[in-house]
PDB file of N, CA and C in Angstrom:
ATOM      1  N   MET A   1      20.491  51.437   1.765  1.00  0.00           N
ATOM      2  CA  MET A   1      21.796  51.029   2.599  1.00  0.00           C
ATOM      3  C   MET A   1      21.697  49.225   2.163  1.00  0.00           C
ATOM      4  N   LYS A   2      21.055  48.779   2.681  1.00  0.00           N
ATOM      5  CA  LYS A   2      20.836  47.295   2.716  1.00  0.00           C
ATOM      6  C   LYS A   2      21.330  47.282   0.714  1.00  0.00           C
ATOM      7  N   CYS A   3      20.924  47.838  -0.158  1.00  0.00           N
ATOM      8  CA  CYS A   3      21.497  47.263  -1.182  1.00  0.00           C
ATOM      9  C   CYS A   3      22.668  47.833  -1.546  1.00  0.00           C
ATOM     10  N   LEU A   4      23.365  48.566  -0.942  1.00  0.00           N
ATOM     11  CA  LEU A   4      24.798  48.704  -0.994  1.00  0.00           C
ATOM     12  C   LEU A   4      25.602  47.651  -0.405  1.00  0.00           C
ATOM     13  N   LEU A   5      24.973  46.909   0.327  1.00  0.00           N
ATOM     14  CA  LEU A   5      25.185  45.689   0.688  1.00  0.00           C
ATOM     15  C   LEU A   5      25.506  44.538  -0.002  1.00  0.00           C
ATOM     16  N   LEU A   6      24.052  44.751  -0.575  1.00  0.00           N
ATOM     17  CA  LEU A   6      24.274  43.353  -1.683  1.00  0.00           C
ATOM     18  C   LEU A   6      24.737  43.316  -2.684  1.00  0.00           C
ATOM     19  N   LEU A   7      25.139  44.575  -2.943  1.00  0.00           N
ATOM     20  CA  LEU A   7      25.552  44.727  -3.955  1.00  0.00           C
ATOM     21  C   LEU A   7      27.052  44.225  -4.697  1.00  0.00           C
ATOM     22  N   PRO A   8      27.994  44.120  -3.557  1.00  0.00           N
ATOM     23  CA  PRO A   8      29.610  43.623  -3.418  1.00  0.00           C
ATOM     24  C   PRO A   8      28.780  41.921  -3.705  1.00  0.00           C
ATOM     25  N   MET A   9      28.202  41.170  -3.215  1.00  0.00           N
ATOM     26  CA  MET A   9      27.636  40.142  -2.992  1.00  0.00           C
ATOM     27  C   MET A   9      27.162  39.787  -4.515  1.00  0.00           C
ATOM     28  N   LEU A  10      26.291  40.028  -4.568  1.00  0.00           N
ATOM     29  CA  LEU A  10      25.464  39.898  -6.387  1.00  0.00           C
ATOM     30  C   LEU A  10      26.489  39.879  -7.176  1.00  0.00           C
ATOM     31  N   MET A  11      27.664  41.196  -7.309  1.00  0.00           N
ATOM     32  CA  MET A  11      28.834  41.229  -8.179  1.00  0.00           C
ATOM     33  C   MET A  11      29.648  39.986  -7.956  1.00  0.00           C
ATOM     34  N   ALA A  12      29.974  39.247  -6.669  1.00  0.00           N
ATOM     35  CA  ALA A  12      30.679  38.335  -6.468  1.00  0.00           C
ATOM     36  C   ALA A  12      30.116  37.141  -7.371  1.00  0.00           C
ATOM     37  N   LEU A  13      28.722  36.828  -7.114  1.00  0.00           N
ATOM     38  CA  LEU A  13      27.850  36.038  -7.458  1.00  0.00           C
ATOM     39  C   LEU A  13      28.165  35.688  -8.898  1.00  0.00           C
ATOM     40  N   VAL A  14      27.348  36.636  -9.655  1.00  0.00           N
ATOM     41  CA  VAL A  14      28.012  37.018 -11.410  1.00  0.00           C
ATOM     42  C   VAL A  14      29.123  36.805 -11.690  1.00  0.00           C
ATOM     43  N   ALA A  15      29.714  37.159 -11.202  1.00  0.00           N
ATOM     44  CA  ALA A  15      31.599  36.462 -11.490  1.00  0.00           C
ATOM     45  C   ALA A  15      31.772  35.351 -11.183  1.00  0.00           C
ATOM     46  N   ALA A  16      31.266  34.959 -10.517  1.00  0.00           N
ATOM     47  CA  ALA A  16      31.693  33.369 -10.290  1.00  0.00           C
ATOM     48  C   ALA A  16      30.723  32.669 -11.414  1.00  0.00           C
ATOM     49  N   GLU A  17      30.020  32.919 -11.842  1.00  0.00           N
ATOM     50  CA  GLU A  17      28.890  32.497 -13.009  1.00  0.00           C
ATOM     51  C   GLU A  17      29.442  32.393 -14.366  1.00  0.00           C
ATOM     52  N   THR A  18      30.668  32.723 -14.223  1.00  0.00           N
ATOM     53  CA  THR A  18      31.170  32.915 -15.913  1.00  0.00           C
ATOM     54  C   THR A  18      32.325  31.845 -16.066  1.00  0.00           C
ATOM     55  N   TYR A  19      33.213  32.049 -16.951  1.00  0.00           N
ATOM     56  CA  TYR A  19      33.950  31.394 -16.915  1.00  0.00           C
ATOM     57  C   TYR A  19      35.071  32.224 -17.092  1.00  0.00           C
ATOM     58  N   SER A  20      36.394  32.045 -16.962  1.00  0.00           N
ATOM     59  CA  SER A  20      37.622  33.144 -16.607  1.00  0.00           C
ATOM     60  C   SER A  20      37.848  34.151 -17.753  1.00  0.00           C
ATOM     61  N   THR A  21      38.268  35.238 -17.675  1.00  0.00           N
ATOM     62  CA  THR A  21      37.641  36.241 -18.860  1.00  0.00           C
ATOM     63  C   THR A  21      39.429  36.481 -19.062  1.00  0.00           C
ATOM     64  N   GLU A  22      40.360  35.827 -18.122  1.00  0.00           N
ATOM     65  CA  GLU A  22      41.769  36.309 -18.508  1.00  0.00           C
ATOM     66  C   GLU A  22      41.979  36.236 -20.233  1.00  0.00           C
ATOM     67  N   ASN A  23      42.054  35.568 -20.825  1.00  0.00           N
ATOM     68  CA  ASN A  23      41.822  34.885 -22.436  1.00  0.00           C
ATOM     69  C   ASN A  23      40.457  35.588 -23.273  1.00  0.00           C
ATOM     70  N   ASP A  24      40.201  36.655 -23.176  1.00  0.00           N
ATOM     71  CA  ASP A  24      38.739  37.348 -23.752  1.00  0.00           C
ATOM     72  C   ASP A  24      39.512  38.230 -24.443  1.00  0.00           C
ATOM     73  N   ASP A  25      40.428  38.842 -24.680  1.00  0.00           N
ATOM     74  CA  ASP A  25      40.880  39.679 -25.445  1.00  0.00           C
ATOM     75  C   ASP A  25      41.559  38.774 -26.838  1.00  0.00           C
ATOM     76  N   LEU A  26      41.752  37.271 -26.581  1.00  0.00           N
ATOM     77  CA  LEU A  26      42.371  36.666 -27.862  1.00  0.00           C
ATOM     78  C   LEU A  26      42.358  36.784 -29.148  1.00  0.00           C
ATOM     79  N   ASP A  27      42.651  37.250 -30.013  1.00  0.00           N
ATOM     80  CA  ASP A  27      42.875  37.689 -31.475  1.00  0.00           C
ATOM     81  C   ASP A  27      42.074  36.492 -32.255  1.00  0.00           C
ATOM     82  N   ILE A  28      41.426  36.388 -31.852  1.00  0.00           N
ATOM     83  CA  ILE A  28      40.094  34.756 -32.555  1.00  0.00           C
ATOM     84  C   ILE A  28      40.602  35.024 -34.320  1.00  0.00           C
ATOM     85  N   GLU A  29      40.745  36.335 -34.622  1.00  0.00           N
ATOM     86  CA  GLU A  29      40.799  36.664 -36.223  1.00  0.00           C
ATOM     87  C   GLU A  29      42.367  36.164 -36.582  1.00  0.00           C
ATOM     88  N   ALA A  30      43.185  36.039 -35.578  1.00  0.00           N
ATOM     89  CA  ALA A  30      44.433  35.671 -35.942  1.00  0.00           C
ATOM     90  C   ALA A  30      44.686  34.107 -35.732  1.00  0.00           C
ATOM     91  N   VAL A  31      43.988  33.686 -34.657  1.00  0.00           N
ATOM     92  CA  VAL A  31      43.939  32.203 -35.077  1.00  0.00           C
ATOM     93  C   VAL A  31      43.290  31.376 -36.083  1.00  0.00           C
ATOM     94  N   VAL A  32      42.383  31.941 -36.242  1.00  0.00           N
ATOM     95  CA  VAL A  32      41.128  31.588 -37.775  1.00  0.00           C
ATOM     96  C   VAL A  32      42.052  31.952 -39.044  1.00  0.00           C
ATOM     97  N   GLY A  33      43.014  32.722 -39.303  1.00  0.00           N
ATOM     98  CA  GLY A  33      43.376  33.323 -40.520  1.00  0.00           C
ATOM     99  C   GLY A  33      44.563  32.216 -40.389  1.00  0.00           C
ATOM    100  N   ASP A  34      44.810  31.841 -39.544  1.00  0.00           N
ATOM    101  CA  ASP A  34      46.164  30.642 -39.690  1.00  0.00           C
ATOM    102  C   ASP A  34      46.188  29.547 -39.412  1.00  0.00           C
ATOM    103  N   LEU A  35      46.087  28.510 -40.886  1.00  0.00           N
ATOM    104  CA  LEU A  35      45.275  27.165 -40.481  1.00  0.00           C
ATOM    105  C   LEU A  35      46.318  26.729 -39.795  1.00  0.00           C
ATOM    106  N   ASN A  36      47.853  26.911 -39.806  1.00  0.00           N
ATOM    107  CA  ASN A  36      48.761  26.254 -38.523  1.00  0.00           C
ATOM    108  C   ASN A  36      48.021  26.258 -36.744  1.00  0.00           C
ATOM    109  N   THR A  37      47.819  27.531 -36.682  1.00  0.00           N
ATOM    110  CA  THR A  37      47.399  27.955 -35.317  1.00  0.00           C
ATOM    111  C   THR A  37      46.037  27.222 -34.884  1.00  0.00           C
ATOM    112  N   LEU A  38      45.277  27.094 -36.100  1.00  0.00           N
ATOM    113  CA  LEU A  38      44.121  26.936 -35.881  1.00  0.00           C
ATOM    114  C   LEU A  38      44.094  25.127 -35.707  1.00  0.00           C
ATOM    115  N   LYS A  39      44.816  24.520 -36.494  1.00  0.00           N
ATOM    116  CA  LYS A  39      44.769  23.255 -36.265  1.00  0.00           C
ATOM    117  C   LYS A  39      46.263  23.118 -34.858  1.00  0.00           C
ATOM    118  N   SER A  40      46.840  23.805 -34.393  1.00  0.00           N
ATOM    119  CA  SER A  40      47.220  23.679 -33.215  1.00  0.00           C
ATOM    120  C   SER A  40      46.145  23.662 -32.152  1.00  0.00           C
ATOM    121  N   PHE A  41      44.874  24.768 -32.136  1.00  0.00           N
ATOM    122  CA  PHE A  41      44.079  24.585 -30.800  1.00  0.00           C
ATOM    123  C   PHE A  41      43.108  23.086 -31.357  1.00  0.00           C
ATOM    124  N   MET A  42      42.380  22.904 -32.396  1.00  0.00           N
ATOM    125  CA  MET A  42      41.987  22.086 -32.290  1.00  0.00           C
ATOM    126  C   MET A  42      42.916  20.665 -32.044  1.00  0.00           C
ATOM    127  N   ASP A  43      44.015  20.426 -32.357  1.00  0.00           N
ATOM    128  CA  ASP A  43      44.560  19.346 -31.637  1.00  0.00           C
ATOM    129  C   ASP A  43      44.784  19.441 -30.238  1.00  0.00           C
ATOM    130  N   CYS A  44      45.085  20.523 -29.719  1.00  0.00           N
ATOM    131  CA  CYS A  44      44.636  20.338 -28.070  1.00  0.00           C
ATOM    132  C   CYS A  44      43.191  20.016 -27.575  1.00  0.00           C
ATOM    133  N   PHE A  45      42.119  20.854 -28.441  1.00  0.00           N
ATOM    134  CA  PHE A  45      41.114  20.340 -27.757  1.00  0.00           C
ATOM    135  C   PHE A  45      41.138  18.916 -28.047  1.00  0.00           C
ATOM    136  N   ASN A  46      41.205  18.060 -28.941  1.00  0.00           N
ATOM    137  CA  ASN A  46      41.064  16.659 -29.238  1.00  0.00           C
ATOM    138  C   ASN A  46      42.038  15.605 -28.700  1.00  0.00           C
ATOM    139  N   ASP A  47      42.984  16.494 -27.925  1.00  0.00           N
ATOM    140  CA  ASP A  47      43.994  15.515 -27.019  1.00  0.00           C
ATOM    141  C   ASP A  47      45.013  14.505 -28.126  1.00  0.00           C
ATOM    142  N   LYS A  48      45.317  15.920 -29.390  1.00  0.00           N
ATOM    143  CA  LYS A  48      46.653  15.154 -29.942  1.00  0.00           C
ATOM    144  C   LYS A  48      47.732  15.703 -29.526  1.00  0.00           C
ATOM    145  N   LYS A  49      48.031  16.994 -29.631  1.00  0.00           N
ATOM    146  CA  LYS A  49      49.068  17.372 -28.583  1.00  0.00           C
ATOM    147  C   LYS A  49      48.790  18.109 -28.102  1.00  0.00           C
ATOM    148  N   PRO A  50      50.220  18.735 -27.054  1.00  0.00           N
ATOM    149  CA  PRO A  50      49.447  19.512 -25.698  1.00  0.00           C
ATOM    150  C   PRO A  50      49.540  20.844 -25.774  1.00  0.00           C
ATOM    151  N   CYS A  51      48.814  21.130 -24.868  1.00  0.00           N
ATOM    152  CA  CYS A  51      48.115  22.603 -24.799  1.00  0.00           C
ATOM    153  C   CYS A  51      49.520  23.908 -24.148  1.00  0.00           C
ATOM    154  N   ASP A  52      49.569  24.676 -25.116  1.00  0.00           N
ATOM    155  CA  ASP A  52      49.769  25.652 -24.434  1.00  0.00           C
ATOM    156  C   ASP A  52      48.904  26.645 -23.427  1.00  0.00           C
ATOM    157  N   ALA A  53      49.395  27.643 -23.157  1.00  0.00           N
ATOM    158  CA  ALA A  53      48.202  27.722 -21.378  1.00  0.00           C
ATOM    159  C   ALA A  53      47.158  28.645 -22.323  1.00  0.00           C
ATOM    160  N   VAL A  54      46.894  29.504 -23.145  1.00  0.00           N
ATOM    161  CA  VAL A  54      45.951  29.916 -23.650  1.00  0.00           C
ATOM    162  C   VAL A  54      45.027  28.603 -24.218  1.00  0.00           C
ATOM    163  N   GLN A  55      45.344  27.945 -24.904  1.00  0.00           N
ATOM    164  CA  GLN A  55      44.690  26.878 -25.545  1.00  0.00           C
ATOM    165  C   GLN A  55      43.890  25.924 -24.164  1.00  0.00           C
ATOM    166  N   ALA A  56      44.900  25.446 -23.349  1.00  0.00           N
ATOM    167  CA  ALA A  56      44.046  25.052 -21.630  1.00  0.00           C
ATOM    168  C   ALA A  56      43.349  25.556 -21.010  1.00  0.00           C
ATOM    169  N   ASP A  57      43.603  26.873 -21.056  1.00  0.00           N
ATOM    170  CA  ASP A  57      42.447  27.784 -20.314  1.00  0.00           C
ATOM    171  C   ASP A  57      41.146  27.881 -21.243  1.00  0.00           C
ATOM    172  N   PHE A  58      41.017  27.701 -23.040  1.00  0.00           N
ATOM    173  CA  PHE A  58      39.813  26.964 -23.359  1.00  0.00           C
ATOM    174  C   PHE A  58      39.105  26.032 -23.258  1.00  0.00           C
ATOM    175  N   LYS A  59      40.550  25.083 -23.190  1.00  0.00           N
ATOM    176  CA  LYS A  59      39.630  24.077 -23.220  1.00  0.00           C
ATOM    177  C   LYS A  59      39.557  23.029 -22.052  1.00  0.00           C
ATOM    178  N   LYS A  60      39.578  23.966 -20.732  1.00  0.00           N
ATOM    179  CA  LYS A  60      39.161  22.927 -19.270  1.00  0.00           C
ATOM    180  C   LYS A  60      37.829  23.708 -19.307  1.00  0.00           C
ATOM    181  N   ASP A  61      37.311  24.405 -20.179  1.00  0.00           N
ATOM    182  CA  ASP A  61      35.471  24.818 -20.418  1.00  0.00           C
ATOM    183  C   ASP A  61      34.667  24.332 -20.972  1.00  0.00           C
ATOM    184  N   LEU A  62      35.889  23.605 -22.580  1.00  0.00           N
ATOM    185  CA  LEU A  62      34.911  22.936 -23.270  1.00  0.00           C
ATOM    186  C   LEU A  62      33.744  21.870 -22.948  1.00  0.00           C
ATOM    187  N   PRO A  63      33.861  20.893 -22.187  1.00  0.00           N
ATOM    188  CA  PRO A  63      32.688  19.760 -21.885  1.00  0.00           C
ATOM    189  C   PRO A  63      31.412  20.744 -21.459  1.00  0.00           C
ATOM    190  N   GLU A  64      31.963  21.377 -20.166  1.00  0.00           N
ATOM    191  CA  GLU A  64      30.610  22.658 -19.759  1.00  0.00           C
ATOM    192  C   GLU A  64      30.031  23.166 -20.648  1.00  0.00           C
ATOM    193  N   ALA A  65      30.988  24.113 -21.730  1.00  0.00           N
ATOM    194  CA  ALA A  65      30.529  24.851 -22.390  1.00  0.00           C
ATOM    195  C   ALA A  65      29.309  23.941 -23.376  1.00  0.00           C
ATOM    196  N   PHE A  66      29.840  22.996 -23.997  1.00  0.00           N
ATOM    197  CA  PHE A  66      29.025  22.258 -24.910  1.00  0.00           C
ATOM    198  C   PHE A  66      27.778  21.554 -24.316  1.00  0.00           C
ATOM    199  N   GLN A  67      28.023  20.869 -23.151  1.00  0.00           N
ATOM    200  CA  GLN A  67      26.830  20.528 -22.023  1.00  0.00           C
ATOM    201  C   GLN A  67      25.416  21.825 -22.231  1.00  0.00           C
ATOM    202  N   ASN A  68      26.240  22.709 -21.911  1.00  0.00           N
ATOM    203  CA  ASN A  68      25.342  24.159 -21.043  1.00  0.00           C
ATOM    204  C   ASN A  68      24.874  25.598 -22.362  1.00  0.00           C
ATOM    205  N   ALA A  69      25.080  25.189 -23.263  1.00  0.00           N
ATOM    206  CA  ALA A  69      24.718  26.122 -24.641  1.00  0.00           C
ATOM    207  C   ALA A  69      25.696  27.390 -24.382  1.00  0.00           C
ATOM    208  N   CYS A  70      27.445  27.037 -23.636  1.00  0.00           N
ATOM    209  CA  CYS A  70      27.664  28.066 -22.987  1.00  0.00           C
ATOM    210  C   CYS A  70      26.990  28.945 -23.000  1.00  0.00           C
ATOM    211  N   ALA A  71      26.397  28.485 -21.725  1.00  0.00           N
ATOM    212  CA  ALA A  71      25.854  29.453 -20.251  1.00  0.00           C
ATOM    213  C   ALA A  71      26.313  30.233 -19.379  1.00  0.00           C
ATOM    214  N   LYS A  72      27.882  29.967 -19.577  1.00  0.00           N
ATOM    215  CA  LYS A  72      28.622  30.957 -18.749  1.00  0.00           C
ATOM    216  C   LYS A  72      29.784  31.361 -19.342  1.00  0.00           C
ATOM    217  N   CYS A  73      29.567  31.454 -20.772  1.00  0.00           N
ATOM    218  CA  CYS A  73      30.758  32.475 -21.404  1.00  0.00           C
ATOM    219  C   CYS A  73      29.723  33.687 -21.131  1.00  0.00           C
ATOM    220  N   THR A  74      31.427  34.556 -21.398  1.00  0.00           N
ATOM    221  CA  THR A  74      30.880  35.942 -21.690  1.00  0.00           C
ATOM    222  C   THR A  74      30.727  36.168 -23.366  1.00  0.00           C
ATOM    223  N   ALA A  75      30.265  37.238 -23.467  1.00  0.00           N
ATOM    224  CA  ALA A  75      29.821  37.985 -24.987  1.00  0.00           C
ATOM    225  C   ALA A  75      31.148  38.161 -26.022  1.00  0.00           C
ATOM    226  N   ALA A  76      32.268  37.732 -24.894  1.00  0.00           N
ATOM    227  CA  ALA A  76      33.548  37.838 -25.591  1.00  0.00           C
ATOM    228  C   ALA A  76      33.972  36.279 -25.785  1.00  0.00           C
ATOM    229  N   GLN A  77      33.952  35.445 -24.798  1.00  0.00           N
ATOM    230  CA  GLN A  77      34.213  34.307 -25.041  1.00  0.00           C
ATOM    231  C   GLN A  77      32.889  33.455 -26.089  1.00  0.00           C
ATOM    232  N   LYS A  78      31.814  33.929 -26.383  1.00  0.00           N
ATOM    233  CA  LYS A  78      30.975  33.419 -27.106  1.00  0.00           C
ATOM    234  C   LYS A  78      31.152  33.869 -28.911  1.00  0.00           C
ATOM    235  N   HIS A  79      31.931  34.906 -28.932  1.00  0.00           N
ATOM    236  CA  HIS A  79      32.504  35.541 -30.073  1.00  0.00           C
ATOM    237  C   HIS A  79      33.500  34.820 -30.927  1.00  0.00           C
ATOM    238  N   ILE A  80      34.371  34.025 -29.717  1.00  0.00           N
ATOM    239  CA  ILE A  80      35.712  33.392 -30.003  1.00  0.00           C
ATOM    240  C   ILE A  80      35.256  32.226 -30.729  1.00  0.00           C
ATOM    241  N   PHE A  81      34.139  31.728 -29.474  1.00  0.00           N
ATOM    242  CA  PHE A  81      33.484  30.069 -29.784  1.00  0.00           C
ATOM    243  C   PHE A  81      32.940  30.358 -30.922  1.00  0.00           C
ATOM    244  N   LYS A  82      32.529  31.081 -31.951  1.00  0.00           N
ATOM    245  CA  LYS A  82      31.320  31.319 -32.879  1.00  0.00           C
ATOM    246  C   LYS A  82      32.057  31.288 -34.396  1.00  0.00           C
ATOM    247  N   ARG A  83      33.260  31.754 -33.834  1.00  0.00           N
ATOM    248  CA  ARG A  83      34.340  32.462 -34.998  1.00  0.00           C
ATOM    249  C   ARG A  83      35.537  31.390 -34.965  1.00  0.00           C
ATOM    250  N   PHE A  84      35.501  30.239 -34.083  1.00  0.00           N
ATOM    251  CA  PHE A  84      36.369  29.132 -33.917  1.00  0.00           C
ATOM    252  C   PHE A  84      35.445  28.023 -34.821  1.00  0.00           C
ATOM    253  N   LEU A  85      34.126  27.980 -34.401  1.00  0.00           N
ATOM    254  CA  LEU A  85      33.892  26.589 -34.939  1.00  0.00           C
ATOM    255  C   LEU A  85      33.244  27.110 -36.808  1.00  0.00           C
ATOM    256  N   GLU A  86      32.752  28.215 -37.043  1.00  0.00           N
ATOM    257  CA  GLU A  86      32.741  28.817 -38.264  1.00  0.00           C
ATOM    258  C   GLU A  86      33.941  28.565 -38.884  1.00  0.00           C
ATOM    259  N   GLU A  87      35.220  28.963 -38.686  1.00  0.00           N
ATOM    260  CA  GLU A  87      36.139  28.883 -39.669  1.00  0.00           C
ATOM    261  C   GLU A  87      36.620  27.480 -39.348  1.00  0.00           C
ATOM    262  N   SER A  88      35.970  26.621 -38.590  1.00  0.00           N
ATOM    263  CA  SER A  88      36.187  25.039 -38.175  1.00  0.00           C
ATOM    264  C   SER A  88      35.513  24.559 -39.243  1.00  0.00           C
ATOM    265  N   GLU A  89      34.903  24.953 -39.680  1.00  0.00           N
ATOM    266  CA  GLU A  89      33.700  23.894 -40.982  1.00  0.00           C
ATOM    267  C   GLU A  89      34.258  24.402 -41.790  1.00  0.00           C
ATOM    268  N   LYS A  90      34.903  25.413 -42.178  1.00  0.00           N
ATOM    269  CA  LYS A  90      35.067  25.456 -43.335  1.00  0.00           C
ATOM    270  C   LYS A  90      36.549  24.937 -43.676  1.00  0.00           C
ATOM    271  N   LYS A  91      37.327  25.271 -42.775  1.00  0.00           N
ATOM    272  CA  LYS A  91      38.736  24.479 -42.878  1.00  0.00           C
ATOM    273  C   LYS A  91      39.400  23.040 -42.082  1.00  0.00           C
ATOM    274  N   VAL A  92      38.438  23.064 -41.290  1.00  0.00           N
ATOM    275  CA  VAL A  92      38.990  21.664 -40.627  1.00  0.00           C
ATOM    276  C   VAL A  92      38.312  21.065 -40.062  1.00  0.00           C
ATOM    277  N   VAL A  93      36.891  20.373 -41.161  1.00  0.00           N
ATOM    278  CA  VAL A  93      36.114  19.334 -41.031  1.00  0.00           C
ATOM    279  C   VAL A  93      36.401  18.107 -40.020  1.00  0.00           C
ATOM    280  N   ASP A  94      37.164  17.495 -40.291  1.00  0.00           N
ATOM    281  CA  ASP A  94      37.601  16.542 -39.673  1.00  0.00           C
ATOM    282  C   ASP A  94      37.585  16.830 -37.904  1.00  0.00           C
ATOM    283  N   ASP A  95      38.603  17.506 -37.917  1.00  0.00           N
ATOM    284  CA  ASP A  95      39.106  17.613 -37.062  1.00  0.00           C
ATOM    285  C   ASP A  95      37.434  18.547 -35.875  1.00  0.00           C
ATOM    286  N   LEU A  96      36.950  19.400 -36.963  1.00  0.00           N
ATOM    287  CA  LEU A  96      35.723  19.387 -36.079  1.00  0.00           C
ATOM    288  C   LEU A  96      34.987  18.625 -35.392  1.00  0.00           C
ATOM    289  N   ASN A  97      34.399  17.301 -36.655  1.00  0.00           N
ATOM    290  CA  ASN A  97      34.242  16.537 -36.255  1.00  0.00           C
ATOM    291  C   ASN A  97      34.324  15.548 -35.450  1.00  0.00           C
ATOM    292  N   ALA A  98      35.829  15.491 -35.054  1.00  0.00           N
ATOM    293  CA  ALA A  98      36.191  14.690 -34.103  1.00  0.00           C
ATOM    294  C   ALA A  98      36.108  16.014 -32.487  1.00  0.00           C
ATOM    295  N   LEU A  99      36.159  17.171 -32.727  1.00  0.00           N
ATOM    296  CA  LEU A  99      35.802  17.718 -31.743  1.00  0.00           C
ATOM    297  C   LEU A  99      34.364  17.473 -31.292  1.00  0.00           C
ATOM    298  N   LYS A 100      33.192  17.435 -32.270  1.00  0.00           N
ATOM    299  CA  LYS A 100      32.145  17.072 -31.635  1.00  0.00           C
ATOM    300  C   LYS A 100      31.621  16.064 -30.940  1.00  0.00           C
ATOM    301  N   LYS A 101      32.579  14.606 -31.706  1.00  0.00           N
ATOM    302  CA  LYS A 101      32.397  13.702 -31.106  1.00  0.00           C
ATOM    303  C   LYS A 101      32.908  13.315 -29.749  1.00  0.00           C
ATOM    304  N   LYS A 102      33.651  14.619 -29.629  1.00  0.00           N
ATOM    305  CA  LYS A 102      34.361  14.210 -28.026  1.00  0.00           C
ATOM    306  C   LYS A 102      33.566  14.712 -26.964  1.00  0.00           C
ATOM    307  N   TYR A 103      33.059  16.059 -27.219  1.00  0.00           N
ATOM    308  CA  TYR A 103      32.452  16.835 -26.135  1.00  0.00           C
ATOM    309  C   TYR A 103      30.987  16.981 -26.306  1.00  0.00           C
ATOM    310  N   ASP A 104      30.689  16.205 -27.612  1.00  0.00           N
ATOM    311  CA  ASP A 104      28.512  15.616 -27.678  1.00  0.00           C
ATOM    312  C   ASP A 104      28.943  14.589 -28.493  1.00  0.00           C
ATOM    313  N   PRO A 105      29.189  13.203 -27.647  1.00  0.00           N
ATOM    314  CA  PRO A 105      29.426  12.162 -28.895  1.00  0.00           C
ATOM    315  C   PRO A 105      27.974  11.581 -28.725  1.00  0.00           C
ATOM    316  N   GLU A 106      26.881  12.043 -28.612  1.00  0.00           N
ATOM    317  CA  GLU A 106      25.394  11.496 -28.502  1.00  0.00           C
ATOM    318  C   GLU A 106      24.770  12.329 -30.116  1.00  0.00           C
ATOM    319  N   SER A 107      25.361  13.484 -30.007  1.00  0.00           N
ATOM    320  CA  SER A 107      24.821  14.953 -30.643  1.00  0.00           C
ATOM    321  C   SER A 107      23.412  15.992 -30.121  1.00  0.00           C
ATOM    322  N   LYS A 108      23.448  15.644 -28.645  1.00  0.00           N
ATOM    323  CA  LYS A 108      22.203  16.720 -28.488  1.00  0.00           C
ATOM    324  C   LYS A 108      22.109  17.913 -28.087  1.00  0.00           C
ATOM    325  N   HIS A 109      24.055  18.752 -27.991  1.00  0.00           N
ATOM    326  CA  HIS A 109      23.818  19.771 -27.291  1.00  0.00           C
ATOM    327  C   HIS A 109      24.586  20.724 -28.692  1.00  0.00           C
ATOM    328  N   TYR A 110      24.982  20.447 -29.463  1.00  0.00           N
ATOM    329  CA  TYR A 110      25.808  21.356 -30.498  1.00  0.00           C
ATOM    330  C   TYR A 110      25.132  22.393 -31.219  1.00  0.00           C
ATOM    331  N   ALA A 111      23.753  21.787 -31.835  1.00  0.00           N
ATOM    332  CA  ALA A 111      22.558  22.687 -31.868  1.00  0.00           C
ATOM    333  C   ALA A 111      22.329  23.766 -31.149  1.00  0.00           C
ATOM    334  N   ALA A 112      22.226  23.511 -29.436  1.00  0.00           N
ATOM    335  CA  ALA A 112      21.944  24.608 -28.851  1.00  0.00           C
ATOM    336  C   ALA A 112      22.611  25.189 -28.615  1.00  0.00           C
ATOM    337  N   LEU A 113      24.442  24.920 -28.763  1.00  0.00           N
ATOM    338  CA  LEU A 113      25.511  25.475 -28.461  1.00  0.00           C
ATOM    339  C   LEU A 113      25.397  27.014 -29.796  1.00  0.00           C
ATOM    340  N   LEU A 114      25.051  25.716 -30.614  1.00  0.00           N
ATOM    341  CA  LEU A 114      25.396  26.993 -32.123  1.00  0.00           C
ATOM    342  C   LEU A 114      24.527  28.078 -31.853  1.00  0.00           C
ATOM    343  N   SER A 115      23.509  27.525 -31.592  1.00  0.00           N
ATOM    344  CA  SER A 115      22.301  28.644 -31.280  1.00  0.00           C
ATOM    345  C   SER A 115      22.736  29.940 -30.127  1.00  0.00           C
ATOM    346  N   ALA A 116      23.084  29.547 -29.384  1.00  0.00           N
ATOM    347  CA  ALA A 116      23.182  30.453 -28.236  1.00  0.00           C
ATOM    348  C   ALA A 116      24.620  31.100 -28.478  1.00  0.00           C
ATOM    349  N   ILE A 117      25.401  30.864 -29.395  1.00  0.00           N
ATOM    350  CA  ILE A 117      26.409  31.929 -29.547  1.00  0.00           C
ATOM    351  C   ILE A 117      26.466  32.483 -31.085  1.00  0.00           C
ATOM    352  N   SER A 118      25.586  32.412 -31.746  1.00  0.00           N
ATOM    353  CA  SER A 118      24.658  32.801 -33.087  1.00  0.00           C
ATOM    354  C   SER A 118      24.545  34.193 -33.051  1.00  0.00           C
ATOM    355  N   LYS A 119      24.987  35.329 -32.095  1.00  0.00           N
ATOM    356  CA  LYS A 119      24.879  36.842 -31.802  1.00  0.00           C
ATOM    357  C   LYS A 119      25.375  37.791 -31.808  1.00  0.00           C
ATOM    358  N   SER A 120      26.505  36.508 -31.483  1.00  0.00           N
ATOM    359  CA  SER A 120      28.033  37.250 -30.845  1.00  0.00           C
ATOM    360  C   SER A 120      29.284  37.665 -31.863  1.00  0.00           C
TER     361      SER A 120
END
């Protein structure tokens, strides 16, 4: 009986320890497959242009995700982040470098972040 009482509390605790899953269904292949869309996300994340609702949802978690190697990311978010960074490295290197400078100015966290999302 005690286990049944603890289960809802544990579920609430686990849910609170991840970022919002509202946009976990983002079609990341569509984002990275279209250079204008990819740049739009980068421009939002780098404070060059306003964000739409989806971009803003991801952007709010970027500082912590960089610092904590995506520790609160869901599996879907890790996959999204991985694909975003992979394609950014190929297509918008200057924007990616600006992103790294903004969210990891001392280059302390990026390697750990890449390692954490590498299997996603």
